[in-house]
Amino acid sequence: MFTLFTFLLATATSFAQIGGIEDSVNDVSDTIRTIFPIILGVIFLVGFLFNAGHFFGENADLKKGITRVLVFVLIAGAVVGIFTYLITIVV
């Protein structure tokens, strides 16, 4: 499935050149590259706010809070890495 997805993304630019819409594809790609860091920052902020309850308050559990934040950062980092890799291949 991943191989098929990667192949489809890799061939998207060649299809765009054939159809004469290469400029449109490049504009969309530039827009995604501009907006992506903002969206990522919002996701990190929301994730921290959901996990902040483990650090503060009456039922504070430092170990559980740190574990959840680390898992969240690892998952978000993997998503960012994959997305960045795919963007560099396609365009």
PDB file of N, CA and C in Angstrom:
ATOM      1  N   MET A   1       0.826  -1.185   0.000  1.00  0.00           N
ATOM      2  CA  MET A   1       0.000   0.000   0.000  1.00  0.00           C
ATOM      3  C   MET A   1       0.877   1.259   0.000  1.00  0.00           C
ATOM      4  N   PHE A   2       1.889   1.269   0.873  1.00  0.00           N
ATOM      5  CA  PHE A   2       2.788   2.424   0.944  1.00  0.00           C
ATOM      6  C   PHE A   2       3.532   2.607  -0.370  1.00  0.00           C
ATOM      7  N   THR A   3       3.940   1.497  -0.979  1.00  0.00           N
ATOM      8  CA  THR A   3       4.659   1.570  -2.249  1.00  0.00           C
ATOM      9  C   THR A   3       3.767   2.159  -3.335  1.00  0.00           C
ATOM     10  N   LEU A   4       2.511   1.739  -3.356  1.00  0.00           N
ATOM     11  CA  LEU A   4       1.570   2.269  -4.338  1.00  0.00           C
ATOM     12  C   LEU A   4       1.358   3.764  -4.125  1.00  0.00           C
ATOM     13  N   PHE A   5       1.192   4.168  -2.865  1.00  0.00           N
ATOM     14  CA  PHE A   5       1.001   5.584  -2.538  1.00  0.00           C
ATOM     15  C   PHE A   5       2.208   6.412  -2.971  1.00  0.00           C
ATOM     16  N   THR A   6       3.397   5.914  -2.688  1.00  0.00           N
ATOM     17  CA  THR A   6       4.623   6.617  -3.068  1.00  0.00           C
ATOM     18  C   THR A   6       4.737   6.721  -4.586  1.00  0.00           C
ATOM     19  N   PHE A   7       4.408   5.641  -5.278  1.00  0.00           N
ATOM     20  CA  PHE A   7       4.462   5.648  -6.743  1.00  0.00           C
ATOM     21  C   PHE A   7       3.490   6.668  -7.325  1.00  0.00           C
ATOM     22  N   LEU A   8       2.276   6.718  -6.770  1.00  0.00           N
ATOM     23  CA  LEU A   8       1.291   7.673  -7.268  1.00  0.00           C
ATOM     24  C   LEU A   8       1.740   9.112  -7.043  1.00  0.00           C
ATOM     25  N   LEU A   9       2.339   9.376  -5.888  1.00  0.00           N
ATOM     26  CA  LEU A   9       2.829  10.729  -5.628  1.00  0.00           C
ATOM     27  C   LEU A   9       4.006  11.079  -6.529  1.00  0.00           C
ATOM     28  N   ALA A  10       4.849  10.101  -6.805  1.00  0.00           N
ATOM     29  CA  ALA A  10       6.022  10.349  -7.645  1.00  0.00           C
ATOM     30  C   ALA A  10       5.629  10.611  -9.094  1.00  0.00           C
ATOM     31  N   THR A  11       4.552   9.997  -9.546  1.00  0.00           N
ATOM     32  CA  THR A  11       4.140  10.179 -10.937  1.00  0.00           C
ATOM     33  C   THR A  11       3.203  11.363 -11.119  1.00  0.00           C
ATOM     34  N   ALA A  12       2.769  11.991 -10.031  1.00  0.00           N
ATOM     35  CA  ALA A  12       1.829  13.108 -10.140  1.00  0.00           C
ATOM     36  C   ALA A  12       2.427  14.272 -10.918  1.00  0.00           C
ATOM     37  N   THR A  13       3.682  14.563 -10.718  1.00  0.00           N
ATOM     38  CA  THR A  13       4.321  15.676 -11.417  1.00  0.00           C
ATOM     39  C   THR A  13       4.428  15.398 -12.909  1.00  0.00           C
ATOM     40  N   SER A  14       4.738  14.170 -13.280  1.00  0.00           N
ATOM     41  CA  SER A  14       4.837  13.863 -14.705  1.00  0.00           C
ATOM     42  C   SER A  14       3.470  13.962 -15.374  1.00  0.00           C
ATOM     43  N   PHE A  15       2.408  13.560 -14.680  1.00  0.00           N
ATOM     44  CA  PHE A  15       1.068  13.721 -15.236  1.00  0.00           C
ATOM     45  C   PHE A  15       0.719  15.201 -15.364  1.00  0.00           C
ATOM     46  N   ALA A  16       1.164  15.999 -14.419  1.00  0.00           N
ATOM     47  CA  ALA A  16       0.892  17.433 -14.473  1.00  0.00           C
ATOM     48  C   ALA A  16       1.595  18.068 -15.665  1.00  0.00           C
ATOM     49  N   GLN A  17       2.802  17.631 -15.974  1.00  0.00           N
ATOM     50  CA  GLN A  17       3.527  18.177 -17.115  1.00  0.00           C
ATOM     51  C   GLN A  17       2.838  17.804 -18.417  1.00  0.00           C
ATOM     52  N   ILE A  18       2.326  16.582 -18.472  1.00  0.00           N
ATOM     53  CA  ILE A  18       1.640  16.140 -19.684  1.00  0.00           C
ATOM     54  C   ILE A  18       0.367  16.950 -19.888  1.00  0.00           C
ATOM     55  N   GLY A  19      -0.359  17.198 -18.803  1.00  0.00           N
ATOM     56  CA  GLY A  19      -1.619  17.926 -18.909  1.00  0.00           C
ATOM     57  C   GLY A  19      -1.453  19.428 -19.002  1.00  0.00           C
ATOM     58  N   GLY A  20      -0.254  19.949 -18.812  1.00  0.00           N
ATOM     59  CA  GLY A  20      -0.028  21.380 -18.897  1.00  0.00           C
ATOM     60  C   GLY A  20      -0.427  22.143 -17.646  1.00  0.00           C
ATOM     61  N   ILE A  21      -0.528  21.461 -16.525  1.00  0.00           N
ATOM     62  CA  ILE A  21      -0.932  22.131 -15.286  1.00  0.00           C
ATOM     63  C   ILE A  21       0.202  22.135 -14.268  1.00  0.00           C
ATOM     64  N   GLU A  22       1.412  22.112 -14.751  1.00  0.00           N
ATOM     65  CA  GLU A  22       2.574  22.057 -13.857  1.00  0.00           C
ATOM     66  C   GLU A  22       2.628  23.271 -12.929  1.00  0.00           C
ATOM     67  N   ASP A  23       2.283  24.450 -13.456  1.00  0.00           N
ATOM     68  CA  ASP A  23       2.313  25.655 -12.621  1.00  0.00           C
ATOM     69  C   ASP A  23       1.305  25.566 -11.482  1.00  0.00           C
ATOM     70  N   SER A  24       0.131  25.012 -11.763  1.00  0.00           N
ATOM     71  CA  SER A  24      -0.887  24.865 -10.715  1.00  0.00           C
ATOM     72  C   SER A  24      -0.413  23.916  -9.628  1.00  0.00           C
ATOM     73  N   VAL A  25       0.205  22.830 -10.032  1.00  0.00           N
ATOM     74  CA  VAL A  25       0.718  21.867  -9.059  1.00  0.00           C
ATOM     75  C   VAL A  25       1.815  22.507  -8.214  1.00  0.00           C
ATOM     76  N   ASN A  26       2.676  23.288  -8.830  1.00  0.00           N
ATOM     77  CA  ASN A  26       3.736  23.969  -8.081  1.00  0.00           C
ATOM     78  C   ASN A  26       3.169  25.000  -7.116  1.00  0.00           C
ATOM     79  N   ASP A  27       2.103  25.705  -7.521  1.00  0.00           N
ATOM     80  CA  ASP A  27       1.468  26.676  -6.623  1.00  0.00           C
ATOM     81  C   ASP A  27       0.869  25.992  -5.402  1.00  0.00           C
ATOM     82  N   VAL A  28       0.188  24.874  -5.626  1.00  0.00           N
ATOM     83  CA  VAL A  28      -0.397  24.127  -4.506  1.00  0.00           C
ATOM     84  C   VAL A  28       0.706  23.602  -3.599  1.00  0.00           C
ATOM     85  N   SER A  29       1.775  23.116  -4.189  1.00  0.00           N
ATOM     86  CA  SER A  29       2.902  22.606  -3.404  1.00  0.00           C
ATOM     87  C   SER A  29       3.526  23.708  -2.557  1.00  0.00           C
ATOM     88  N   ASP A  30       3.699  24.890  -3.130  1.00  0.00           N
ATOM     89  CA  ASP A  30       4.259  26.014  -2.369  1.00  0.00           C
ATOM     90  C   ASP A  30       3.334  26.428  -1.230  1.00  0.00           C
ATOM     91  N   THR A  31       2.028  26.399  -1.490  1.00  0.00           N
ATOM     92  CA  THR A  31       1.061  26.742  -0.444  1.00  0.00           C
ATOM     93  C   THR A  31       1.129  25.748   0.699  1.00  0.00           C
ATOM     94  N   ILE A  32       1.207  24.465   0.374  1.00  0.00           N
ATOM     95  CA  ILE A  32       1.292  23.433   1.414  1.00  0.00           C
ATOM     96  C   ILE A  32       2.575  23.605   2.213  1.00  0.00           C
ATOM     97  N   ARG A  33       3.673  23.887   1.537  1.00  0.00           N
ATOM     98  CA  ARG A  33       4.946  24.083   2.246  1.00  0.00           C
ATOM     99  C   ARG A  33       4.899  25.297   3.167  1.00  0.00           C
ATOM    100  N   THR A  34       4.136  26.316   2.794  1.00  0.00           N
ATOM    101  CA  THR A  34       4.022  27.513   3.623  1.00  0.00           C
ATOM    102  C   THR A  34       3.131  27.271   4.835  1.00  0.00           C
ATOM    103  N   ILE A  35       2.026  26.576   4.638  1.00  0.00           N
ATOM    104  CA  ILE A  35       1.037  26.383   5.699  1.00  0.00           C
ATOM    105  C   ILE A  35       1.434  25.264   6.656  1.00  0.00           C
ATOM    106  N   PHE A  36       2.184  24.285   6.197  1.00  0.00           N
ATOM    107  CA  PHE A  36       2.474  23.099   7.006  1.00  0.00           C
ATOM    108  C   PHE A  36       3.132  23.408   8.348  1.00  0.00           C
ATOM    109  N   PRO A  37       4.139  24.293   8.443  1.00  0.00           N
ATOM    110  CA  PRO A  37       4.719  24.578   9.769  1.00  0.00           C
ATOM    111  C   PRO A  37       3.721  25.199  10.745  1.00  0.00           C
ATOM    112  N   ILE A  38       2.800  26.008  10.232  1.00  0.00           N
ATOM    113  CA  ILE A  38       1.785  26.613  11.101  1.00  0.00           C
ATOM    114  C   ILE A  38       0.856  25.538  11.647  1.00  0.00           C
ATOM    115  N   ILE A  39       0.403  24.647  10.773  1.00  0.00           N
ATOM    116  CA  ILE A  39      -0.473  23.556  11.207  1.00  0.00           C
ATOM    117  C   ILE A  39       0.251  22.668  12.206  1.00  0.00           C
ATOM    118  N   LEU A  40       1.514  22.394  11.954  1.00  0.00           N
ATOM    119  CA  LEU A  40       2.295  21.564  12.869  1.00  0.00           C
ATOM    120  C   LEU A  40       2.416  22.222  14.238  1.00  0.00           C
ATOM    121  N   GLY A  41       2.644  23.532  14.272  1.00  0.00           N
ATOM    122  CA  GLY A  41       2.721  24.248  15.542  1.00  0.00           C
ATOM    123  C   GLY A  41       1.423  24.180  16.321  1.00  0.00           C
ATOM    124  N   VAL A  42       0.300  24.309  15.630  1.00  0.00           N
ATOM    125  CA  VAL A  42      -1.005  24.213  16.292  1.00  0.00           C
ATOM    126  C   VAL A  42      -1.215  22.809  16.846  1.00  0.00           C
ATOM    127  N   ILE A  43      -0.828  21.789  16.088  1.00  0.00           N
ATOM    128  CA  ILE A  43      -0.971  20.408  16.557  1.00  0.00           C
ATOM    129  C   ILE A  43      -0.129  20.179  17.806  1.00  0.00           C
ATOM    130  N   PHE A  44       1.111  20.672  17.818  1.00  0.00           N
ATOM    131  CA  PHE A  44       1.957  20.524  19.002  1.00  0.00           C
ATOM    132  C   PHE A  44       1.364  21.259  20.202  1.00  0.00           C
ATOM    133  N   LEU A  45       0.822  22.451  19.984  1.00  0.00           N
ATOM    134  CA  LEU A  45       0.224  23.217  21.077  1.00  0.00           C
ATOM    135  C   LEU A  45      -0.980  22.497  21.660  1.00  0.00           C
ATOM    136  N   VAL A  46      -1.854  21.995  20.802  1.00  0.00           N
ATOM    137  CA  VAL A  46      -3.034  21.263  21.268  1.00  0.00           C
ATOM    138  C   VAL A  46      -2.613  19.997  22.000  1.00  0.00           C
ATOM    139  N   GLY A  47      -1.634  19.289  21.463  1.00  0.00           N
ATOM    140  CA  GLY A  47      -1.147  18.078  22.134  1.00  0.00           C
ATOM    141  C   GLY A  47      -0.568  18.374  23.501  1.00  0.00           C
ATOM    142  N   PHE A  48       0.169  19.472  23.626  1.00  0.00           N
ATOM    143  CA  PHE A  48       0.720  19.836  24.932  1.00  0.00           C
ATOM    144  C   PHE A  48      -0.389  20.201  25.909  1.00  0.00           C
ATOM    145  N   LEU A  49      -1.384  20.944  25.434  1.00  0.00           N
ATOM    146  CA  LEU A  49      -2.470  21.345  26.331  1.00  0.00           C
ATOM    147  C   LEU A  49      -3.259  20.137  26.831  1.00  0.00           C
ATOM    148  N   PHE A  50      -3.456  19.140  25.974  1.00  0.00           N
ATOM    149  CA  PHE A  50      -4.154  17.932  26.420  1.00  0.00           C
ATOM    150  C   PHE A  50      -3.330  17.157  27.445  1.00  0.00           C
ATOM    151  N   ASN A  51      -2.019  17.202  27.303  1.00  0.00           N
ATOM    152  CA  ASN A  51      -1.156  16.463  28.226  1.00  0.00           C
ATOM    153  C   ASN A  51      -0.725  17.281  29.435  1.00  0.00           C
ATOM    154  N   ALA A  52      -1.005  18.571  29.454  1.00  0.00           N
ATOM    155  CA  ALA A  52      -0.574  19.434  30.556  1.00  0.00           C
ATOM    156  C   ALA A  52      -1.257  19.072  31.870  1.00  0.00           C
ATOM    157  N   GLY A  53      -2.414  18.475  31.817  1.00  0.00           N
ATOM    158  CA  GLY A  53      -3.127  18.088  33.030  1.00  0.00           C
ATOM    159  C   GLY A  53      -2.371  17.071  33.863  1.00  0.00           C
ATOM    160  N   HIS A  54      -1.477  16.333  33.248  1.00  0.00           N
ATOM    161  CA  HIS A  54      -0.696  15.340  33.991  1.00  0.00           C
ATOM    162  C   HIS A  54       0.435  15.986  34.782  1.00  0.00           C
ATOM    163  N   PHE A  55       0.797  17.218  34.449  1.00  0.00           N
ATOM    164  CA  PHE A  55       1.890  17.895  35.141  1.00  0.00           C
ATOM    165  C   PHE A  55       1.414  18.778  36.287  1.00  0.00           C
ATOM    166  N   PHE A  56       0.190  19.270  36.198  1.00  0.00           N
ATOM    167  CA  PHE A  56      -0.314  20.221  37.183  1.00  0.00           C
ATOM    168  C   PHE A  56      -1.564  19.672  37.852  1.00  0.00           C
ATOM    169  N   GLY A  57      -1.905  20.236  38.968  1.00  0.00           N
ATOM    170  CA  GLY A  57      -3.155  19.895  39.625  1.00  0.00           C
ATOM    171  C   GLY A  57      -2.978  18.903  40.752  1.00  0.00           C
ATOM    172  N   GLU A  58      -4.125  18.489  41.276  1.00  0.00           N
ATOM    173  CA  GLU A  58      -4.149  17.609  42.443  1.00  0.00           C
ATOM    174  C   GLU A  58      -3.661  16.202  42.121  1.00  0.00           C
ATOM    175  N   ASN A  59      -3.979  15.719  40.937  1.00  0.00           N
ATOM    176  CA  ASN A  59      -3.606  14.355  40.546  1.00  0.00           C
ATOM    177  C   ASN A  59      -2.417  14.364  39.581  1.00  0.00           C
ATOM    178  N   ALA A  60      -1.428  15.179  39.845  1.00  0.00           N
ATOM    179  CA  ALA A  60      -0.274  15.298  38.945  1.00  0.00           C
ATOM    180  C   ALA A  60       0.555  14.016  38.967  1.00  0.00           C
ATOM    181  N   ASP A  61       0.897  13.541  37.781  1.00  0.00           N
ATOM    182  CA  ASP A  61       1.719  12.344  37.637  1.00  0.00           C
ATOM    183  C   ASP A  61       2.802  12.662  36.605  1.00  0.00           C
ATOM    184  N   LEU A  62       3.982  12.988  37.091  1.00  0.00           N
ATOM    185  CA  LEU A  62       5.065  13.451  36.220  1.00  0.00           C
ATOM    186  C   LEU A  62       5.491  12.376  35.220  1.00  0.00           C
ATOM    187  N   LYS A  63       5.588  11.134  35.678  1.00  0.00           N
ATOM    188  CA  LYS A  63       6.032  10.050  34.793  1.00  0.00           C
ATOM    189  C   LYS A  63       5.031   9.836  33.656  1.00  0.00           C
ATOM    190  N   LYS A  64       3.753   9.812  33.987  1.00  0.00           N
ATOM    191  CA  LYS A  64       2.727   9.609  32.969  1.00  0.00           C
ATOM    192  C   LYS A  64       2.708  10.782  31.985  1.00  0.00           C
ATOM    193  N   GLY A  65       2.873  11.997  32.491  1.00  0.00           N
ATOM    194  CA  GLY A  65       2.886  13.171  31.624  1.00  0.00           C
ATOM    195  C   GLY A  65       4.051  13.155  30.666  1.00  0.00           C
ATOM    196  N   ILE A  66       5.241  12.856  31.175  1.00  0.00           N
ATOM    197  CA  ILE A  66       6.429  12.817  30.313  1.00  0.00           C
ATOM    198  C   ILE A  66       6.300  11.709  29.274  1.00  0.00           C
ATOM    199  N   THR A  67       5.785  10.557  29.683  1.00  0.00           N
ATOM    200  CA  THR A  67       5.610   9.445  28.750  1.00  0.00           C
ATOM    201  C   THR A  67       4.655   9.820  27.628  1.00  0.00           C
ATOM    202  N   ARG A  68       3.537  10.434  27.972  1.00  0.00           N
ATOM    203  CA  ARG A  68       2.568  10.819  26.939  1.00  0.00           C
ATOM    204  C   ARG A  68       3.131  11.877  25.999  1.00  0.00           C
ATOM    205  N   VAL A  69       3.854  12.842  26.542  1.00  0.00           N
ATOM    206  CA  VAL A  69       4.444  13.877  25.692  1.00  0.00           C
ATOM    207  C   VAL A  69       5.482  13.263  24.751  1.00  0.00           C
ATOM    208  N   LEU A  70       6.308  12.348  25.250  1.00  0.00           N
ATOM    209  CA  LEU A  70       7.313  11.707  24.394  1.00  0.00           C
ATOM    210  C   LEU A  70       6.668  10.886  23.282  1.00  0.00           C
ATOM    211  N   VAL A  71       5.620  10.146  23.607  1.00  0.00           N
ATOM    212  CA  VAL A  71       4.920   9.363  22.582  1.00  0.00           C
ATOM    213  C   VAL A  71       4.317  10.299  21.539  1.00  0.00           C
ATOM    214  N   PHE A  72       3.712  11.387  22.001  1.00  0.00           N
ATOM    215  CA  PHE A  72       3.129  12.357  21.077  1.00  0.00           C
ATOM    216  C   PHE A  72       4.191  12.957  20.157  1.00  0.00           C
ATOM    217  N   VAL A  73       5.329  13.325  20.718  1.00  0.00           N
ATOM    218  CA  VAL A  73       6.409  13.917  19.918  1.00  0.00           C
ATOM    219  C   VAL A  73       6.953  12.904  18.911  1.00  0.00           C
ATOM    220  N   LEU A  74       7.088  11.652  19.308  1.00  0.00           N
ATOM    221  CA  LEU A  74       7.578  10.628  18.379  1.00  0.00           C
ATOM    222  C   LEU A  74       6.619  10.417  17.212  1.00  0.00           C
ATOM    223  N   ILE A  75       5.333  10.339  17.509  1.00  0.00           N
ATOM    224  CA  ILE A  75       4.347  10.139  16.443  1.00  0.00           C
ATOM    225  C   ILE A  75       4.307  11.356  15.520  1.00  0.00           C
ATOM    226  N   ALA A  76       4.271  12.550  16.104  1.00  0.00           N
ATOM    227  CA  ALA A  76       4.242  13.766  15.286  1.00  0.00           C
ATOM    228  C   ALA A  76       5.525  13.894  14.464  1.00  0.00           C
ATOM    229  N   GLY A  77       6.661  13.553  15.048  1.00  0.00           N
ATOM    230  CA  GLY A  77       7.926  13.603  14.317  1.00  0.00           C
ATOM    231  C   GLY A  77       7.952  12.639  13.145  1.00  0.00           C
ATOM    232  N   ALA A  78       7.388  11.453  13.337  1.00  0.00           N
ATOM    233  CA  ALA A  78       7.320  10.484  12.240  1.00  0.00           C
ATOM    234  C   ALA A  78       6.438  11.005  11.111  1.00  0.00           C
ATOM    235  N   VAL A  79       5.305  11.591  11.463  1.00  0.00           N
ATOM    236  CA  VAL A  79       4.409  12.139  10.439  1.00  0.00           C
ATOM    237  C   VAL A  79       5.097  13.276   9.683  1.00  0.00           C
ATOM    238  N   VAL A  80       5.769  14.156  10.405  1.00  0.00           N
ATOM    239  CA  VAL A  80       6.479  15.271   9.765  1.00  0.00           C
ATOM    240  C   VAL A  80       7.591  14.745   8.864  1.00  0.00           C
ATOM    241  N   GLY A  81       8.337  13.762   9.327  1.00  0.00           N
ATOM    242  CA  GLY A  81       9.412  13.196   8.522  1.00  0.00           C
ATOM    243  C   GLY A  81       8.911  12.573   7.240  1.00  0.00           C
ATOM    244  N   ILE A  82       7.851  11.801   7.332  1.00  0.00           N
ATOM    245  CA  ILE A  82       7.284  11.164   6.140  1.00  0.00           C
ATOM    246  C   ILE A  82       6.759  12.219   5.175  1.00  0.00           C
ATOM    247  N   PHE A  83       6.031  13.206   5.710  1.00  0.00           N
ATOM    248  CA  PHE A  83       5.481  14.256   4.849  1.00  0.00           C
ATOM    249  C   PHE A  83       6.593  15.036   4.156  1.00  0.00           C
ATOM    250  N   THR A  84       7.613  15.401   4.895  1.00  0.00           N
ATOM    251  CA  THR A  84       8.730  16.152   4.317  1.00  0.00           C
ATOM    252  C   THR A  84       9.442  15.332   3.249  1.00  0.00           C
ATOM    253  N   TYR A  85       9.632  14.059   3.502  1.00  0.00           N
ATOM    254  CA  TYR A  85      10.274  13.175   2.531  1.00  0.00           C
ATOM    255  C   TYR A  85       9.450  13.086   1.245  1.00  0.00           C
ATOM    256  N   LEU A  86       8.134  12.932   1.390  1.00  0.00           N
ATOM    257  CA  LEU A  86       7.281  12.832   0.210  1.00  0.00           C
ATOM    258  C   LEU A  86       7.256  14.138  -0.579  1.00  0.00           C
ATOM    259  N   ILE A  87       7.253  15.264   0.110  1.00  0.00           N
ATOM    260  CA  ILE A  87       7.256  16.551  -0.592  1.00  0.00           C
ATOM    261  C   ILE A  87       8.548  16.731  -1.385  1.00  0.00           C
ATOM    262  N   THR A  88       9.678  16.317  -0.818  1.00  0.00           N
ATOM    263  CA  THR A  88      10.941  16.487  -1.540  1.00  0.00           C
ATOM    264  C   THR A  88      11.032  15.560  -2.743  1.00  0.00           C
ATOM    265  N   ILE A  89      10.386  14.416  -2.698  1.00  0.00           N
ATOM    266  CA  ILE A  89      10.400  13.498  -3.839  1.00  0.00           C
ATOM    267  C   ILE A  89       9.490  14.008  -4.947  1.00  0.00           C
ATOM    268  N   VAL A  90       8.292  14.440  -4.593  1.00  0.00           N
ATOM    269  CA  VAL A  90       7.281  14.767  -5.595  1.00  0.00           C
ATOM    270  C   VAL A  90       7.642  16.015  -6.374  1.00  0.00           C
ATOM    271  N   VAL A  91       8.101  17.053  -5.679  1.00  0.00           N
ATOM    272  CA  VAL A  91       8.292  18.333  -6.373  1.00  0.00           C
ATOM    273  C   VAL A  91       9.751  18.556  -6.663  1.00  0.00           C
TER     274      VAL A  91
END
